[in-house]
Amino acid sequence: MLKTSTTTRVETIVEDGRDECGHIVIPEGVTIIGDHAFMHSKIGSIEFPKTLRRIGYCSFSDCMNLRKLEIPYGVREFGYGAFSGCENLEYISIPVTVASIKGDLFSHCSGLKKIVVPLHLANQAAEETHATIIEILR
């Protein structure tokens, strides 16, 4: 992890992140998850910090064991393909603080059944995912 005066970020993790299995907890204070940080890892679930603001490019792509994601309030943006290739991902909840869903965020997530989004993201969720249920966050 790299700490600067204004940002704490989980950098690209080559050995440790890709060997992660099971449940991971990203600590409070982390605001950015770096590009490719957990790409191809075997993680099954993630607990995100409330301080998180950005999830980087392909940071969780091809994580085949991910089933459910609850993105915390405060996240503003996702990098291109952040969750692409997570074929077994079935559920995701995205907060109102996210401005848009784009850039193959959920490409090749063939198992996605339900996505919960705020009203301003409903059309994008329908266009960008193959989810069978799109629920509007109230």
Protein backbone atom coordinates (compact mmCIF):
# COMPACT_ATOMS: atom_id res chain seq x y z
CA MET A 1 0.00 0.00 0.00
CA LEU A 2 1.28 3.48 -0.86
CA LYS A 3 0.49 6.50 1.32
CA THR A 4 0.86 10.06 0.08
CA SER A 5 -0.20 13.29 1.73
CA THR A 6 -3.69 13.22 0.20
CA THR A 7 -4.38 9.69 -0.97
CA THR A 8 -3.95 6.16 0.24
CA ARG A 9 -4.19 3.59 -2.50
CA VAL A 10 -3.88 -0.12 -2.98
CA GLU A 11 -1.35 -0.33 -5.78
CA THR A 12 -1.14 -3.00 -8.41
CA ILE A 13 -0.49 -6.20 -6.54
CA VAL A 14 1.39 -8.75 -8.59
CA GLU A 15 2.13 -11.66 -6.28
CA ASP A 16 0.12 -11.10 -3.11
CA GLY A 17 -3.13 -9.86 -4.65
CA ARG A 18 -3.32 -12.50 -7.30
CA ASP A 19 -2.82 -15.25 -4.75
CA GLU A 20 -5.56 -13.91 -2.47
CA CYS A 21 -8.35 -16.36 -1.73
CA GLY A 22 -11.58 -16.17 0.20
CA HIS A 23 -12.72 -12.96 1.88
CA ILE A 24 -10.57 -9.82 1.80
CA VAL A 25 -10.99 -6.62 3.78
CA ILE A 26 -9.62 -3.44 2.27
CA PRO A 27 -8.82 -1.18 5.23
CA GLU A 28 -10.42 2.16 6.04
CA GLY A 29 -8.37 5.05 4.71
CA VAL A 30 -7.89 3.50 1.27
CA THR A 31 -9.41 5.82 -1.34
CA ILE A 32 -8.23 4.21 -4.59
CA ILE A 33 -7.82 0.61 -5.64
CA GLY A 34 -5.13 0.66 -8.32
CA ASP A 35 -5.32 -0.71 -11.84
CA HIS A 36 -5.09 -4.52 -12.05
CA ALA A 37 -4.77 -4.76 -8.24
CA PHE A 38 -6.63 -8.06 -7.83
CA MET A 39 -6.96 -9.13 -11.46
CA HIS A 40 -7.21 -12.95 -11.84
CA SER A 41 -7.23 -13.49 -8.07
CA LYS A 42 -9.27 -16.17 -6.33
CA ILE A 43 -11.07 -13.84 -3.91
CA GLY A 44 -14.65 -14.79 -3.15
CA SER A 45 -15.85 -11.67 -1.35
CA ILE A 46 -14.64 -8.16 -0.65
CA GLU A 47 -15.32 -5.73 2.16
CA PHE A 48 -14.72 -2.22 0.85
CA PRO A 49 -13.88 0.74 3.12
CA LYS A 50 -16.24 3.70 3.43
CA THR A 51 -13.33 5.92 2.36
CA LEU A 52 -13.10 4.34 -1.12
CA ARG A 53 -13.62 6.76 -4.03
CA ARG A 54 -12.27 4.97 -7.13
CA ILE A 55 -11.89 1.39 -8.31
CA GLY A 56 -9.22 1.24 -11.02
CA TYR A 57 -8.88 -0.20 -14.50
CA CYS A 58 -9.44 -3.99 -14.52
CA SER A 59 -8.79 -4.06 -10.78
CA PHE A 60 -11.05 -7.08 -10.17
CA SER A 61 -11.37 -8.44 -13.70
CA ASP A 62 -11.49 -12.21 -14.14
CA CYS A 63 -12.08 -12.88 -10.43
CA MET A 64 -14.06 -16.05 -11.06
CA ASN A 65 -15.01 -16.66 -7.41
CA LEU A 66 -16.73 -13.30 -6.82
CA ARG A 67 -20.48 -13.75 -6.35
CA LYS A 68 -21.74 -10.56 -4.68
CA LEU A 69 -20.51 -6.96 -4.51
CA GLU A 70 -21.83 -4.07 -2.46
CA ILE A 71 -20.06 -0.91 -3.52
CA PRO A 72 -20.00 1.62 -0.65
CA TYR A 73 -21.53 5.07 -0.71
CA GLY A 74 -18.80 7.50 -1.69
CA VAL A 75 -17.34 5.60 -4.64
CA ARG A 76 -17.48 8.01 -7.57
CA GLU A 77 -15.97 6.13 -10.48
CA PHE A 78 -14.87 2.82 -11.89
CA GLY A 79 -11.96 2.31 -14.24
CA TYR A 80 -12.55 0.58 -17.56
CA GLY A 81 -13.42 -3.11 -17.13
CA ALA A 82 -13.08 -3.02 -13.33
CA PHE A 83 -15.23 -6.16 -12.94
CA SER A 84 -15.10 -7.57 -16.47
CA GLY A 85 -14.86 -11.33 -16.79
CA CYS A 86 -16.27 -12.05 -13.32
CA GLU A 87 -18.41 -14.81 -14.80
CA ASN A 88 -19.89 -15.97 -11.51
CA LEU A 89 -20.82 -12.52 -10.20
CA GLU A 90 -24.57 -12.69 -9.52
CA TYR A 91 -25.37 -9.48 -7.61
CA ILE A 92 -24.03 -5.95 -7.38
CA SER A 93 -25.28 -2.84 -5.63
CA ILE A 94 -24.02 0.54 -6.83
CA PRO A 95 -24.54 3.73 -4.78
CA VAL A 96 -25.95 7.07 -5.89
CA THR A 97 -22.46 8.64 -5.73
CA VAL A 98 -21.38 6.81 -8.91
CA ALA A 99 -21.80 9.08 -11.93
CA SER A 100 -21.92 6.48 -14.71
CA ILE A 101 -21.59 2.84 -15.69
CA LYS A 102 -19.49 2.52 -18.82
CA GLY A 103 -16.38 1.08 -20.34
CA ASP A 104 -17.15 -2.62 -20.24
CA LEU A 105 -17.51 -2.48 -16.48
CA PHE A 106 -19.42 -5.78 -16.46
CA SER A 107 -18.49 -7.29 -19.82
CA HIS A 108 -18.39 -11.09 -19.76
CA CYS A 109 -20.24 -11.22 -16.42
CA SER A 110 -22.61 -13.83 -17.76
CA GLY A 111 -23.87 -14.87 -14.33
CA LEU A 112 -25.08 -11.39 -13.32
CA LYS A 113 -28.69 -11.75 -12.24
CA LYS A 114 -29.43 -8.63 -10.22
CA ILE A 115 -28.03 -5.12 -10.17
CA VAL A 116 -29.26 -2.44 -7.78
CA VAL A 117 -28.63 1.10 -9.03
CA PRO A 118 -29.86 4.65 -8.43
CA LEU A 119 -32.41 6.00 -10.91
CA HIS A 120 -29.84 8.01 -12.90
CA LEU A 121 -27.98 4.76 -13.74
CA ALA A 122 -30.96 2.56 -14.64
CA ASN A 123 -30.72 3.00 -18.43
CA GLN A 124 -26.95 2.51 -18.42
CA ALA A 125 -27.33 -0.64 -16.30
CA ALA A 126 -29.80 -2.04 -18.84
CA GLU A 127 -27.44 -1.25 -21.73
CA GLU A 128 -24.18 -2.32 -20.11
CA THR A 129 -25.19 -5.55 -18.34
CA HIS A 130 -27.07 -8.75 -18.99
CA ALA A 131 -28.70 -8.65 -15.57
CA THR A 132 -32.15 -10.18 -15.48
CA ILE A 133 -33.28 -7.88 -12.64
CA ILE A 134 -32.47 -4.17 -12.45
CA GLU A 135 -33.71 -2.71 -9.17
CA ILE A 136 -33.87 1.01 -8.54
CA LEU A 137 -32.17 2.10 -5.33
CA ARG A 138 -34.54 4.08 -3.10
